[in-house]
Amino acid sequence: MTGVKPSFSTTVGGSVITIVGTHFVTSRSNPLECVFGGESKVDAVLVSSEEVLCVVPAHDQGPVSLALEIRGLSGLPRNVSVFMYVSV
């Protein structure tokens, strides 16, 4: 993960973000997911090996971690970015 566009959303969620990077892959048995704040997981859509889309879940105001993970595979190294929730 080399970037997130945009890097913020309102606390109600629902907006789509683009995660950019390299070598993104997915499969039916182990799909990608975006993890907000270490706990809110949403399905990710693989656009290309360099781009993933996620719909932002609702969350309280403030900064949270944002990670891209492969569901079902634990212990893999992951990149984490900071994502900001702002009040409406």
Protein backbone atom coordinates (compact mmCIF):
# COMPACT_ATOMS: atom_id res chain seq x y z
CA MET A 1 0.00 0.00 0.00
CA THR A 2 1.56 3.25 -1.11
CA GLY A 3 -1.41 5.60 -0.84
CA VAL A 4 -5.09 6.13 -0.08
CA LYS A 5 -7.35 8.55 -1.99
CA PRO A 6 -9.05 10.28 -0.34
CA SER A 7 -7.45 9.75 3.07
CA PHE A 8 -10.55 10.88 4.97
CA SER A 9 -14.33 10.39 5.14
CA THR A 10 -17.26 11.56 7.20
CA THR A 11 -18.23 9.58 10.28
CA VAL A 12 -21.35 8.25 8.51
CA GLY A 13 -19.17 6.35 6.02
CA GLY A 14 -20.44 5.18 2.65
CA SER A 15 -17.81 6.84 0.48
CA VAL A 16 -15.48 4.85 -1.77
CA ILE A 17 -11.72 5.06 -1.30
CA THR A 18 -8.96 3.92 -3.62
CA ILE A 19 -5.93 2.15 -2.22
CA VAL A 20 -2.91 2.22 -4.51
CA GLY A 21 0.16 0.04 -4.39
CA THR A 22 1.72 -2.90 -6.19
CA HIS A 23 1.23 -6.64 -6.47
CA PHE A 24 -2.35 -6.78 -5.15
CA VAL A 25 -3.98 -10.20 -5.65
CA THR A 26 -7.16 -11.91 -4.49
CA SER A 27 -9.06 -15.17 -4.80
CA ARG A 28 -12.57 -16.43 -4.08
CA SER A 29 -11.40 -18.40 -1.07
CA ASN A 30 -9.18 -15.59 0.28
CA PRO A 31 -10.60 -12.21 -0.79
CA LEU A 32 -9.03 -8.88 0.09
CA GLU A 33 -10.56 -6.75 2.82
CA CYS A 34 -9.96 -3.28 4.20
CA VAL A 35 -9.60 -3.11 7.96
CA PHE A 36 -10.40 0.23 9.60
CA GLY A 37 -9.24 0.80 13.17
CA GLY A 38 -8.15 -2.81 13.52
CA GLU A 39 -11.72 -4.09 13.77
CA SER A 40 -14.12 -2.82 11.08
CA LYS A 41 -13.58 -5.11 8.08
CA VAL A 42 -15.15 -4.49 4.67
CA ASP A 43 -14.76 -6.34 1.39
CA ALA A 44 -12.30 -4.86 -1.07
CA VAL A 45 -12.73 -4.80 -4.85
CA LEU A 46 -9.60 -5.57 -6.84
CA VAL A 47 -9.48 -3.20 -9.82
CA SER A 48 -5.95 -4.11 -10.87
CA SER A 49 -2.70 -5.33 -9.33
CA GLU A 50 -2.12 -1.69 -8.39
CA GLU A 51 -5.58 -0.51 -7.28
CA VAL A 52 -8.23 -1.64 -4.77
CA LEU A 53 -11.56 -0.01 -3.87
CA CYS A 54 -13.30 -0.10 -0.47
CA VAL A 55 -16.51 1.41 0.89
CA VAL A 56 -15.78 3.24 4.13
CA PRO A 57 -17.78 1.99 7.16
CA ALA A 58 -19.23 4.38 9.74
CA HIS A 59 -16.90 5.20 12.62
CA ASP A 60 -16.34 7.76 15.35
CA GLN A 61 -14.45 10.95 14.52
CA GLY A 62 -10.66 10.87 14.54
CA PRO A 63 -7.72 8.99 13.05
CA VAL A 64 -7.75 5.19 12.65
CA SER A 65 -5.39 2.68 11.13
CA LEU A 66 -6.24 1.36 7.67
CA ALA A 67 -4.84 -1.97 6.50
CA LEU A 68 -5.39 -4.15 3.46
CA GLU A 69 -5.53 -7.85 4.36
CA ILE A 70 -6.21 -11.20 2.74
CA ARG A 71 -9.12 -12.82 4.58
CA GLY A 72 -8.21 -16.11 6.22
CA LEU A 73 -4.46 -15.62 6.09
CA SER A 74 -2.99 -14.44 9.37
CA GLY A 75 0.59 -13.61 10.17
CA LEU A 76 1.36 -11.99 6.84
CA PRO A 77 3.20 -8.67 6.84
CA ARG A 78 0.91 -5.76 6.06
CA ASN A 79 1.17 -2.09 5.34
CA VAL A 80 -0.84 0.24 7.52
CA SER A 81 -1.89 3.77 6.71
CA VAL A 82 -3.69 6.42 8.75
CA PHE A 83 -7.27 7.23 7.74
CA MET A 84 -9.18 10.21 9.17
CA TYR A 85 -12.86 10.37 10.05
CA VAL A 86 -14.35 13.86 10.20
CA SER A 87 -17.71 14.93 11.62
CA VAL A 88 -20.54 15.84 9.27
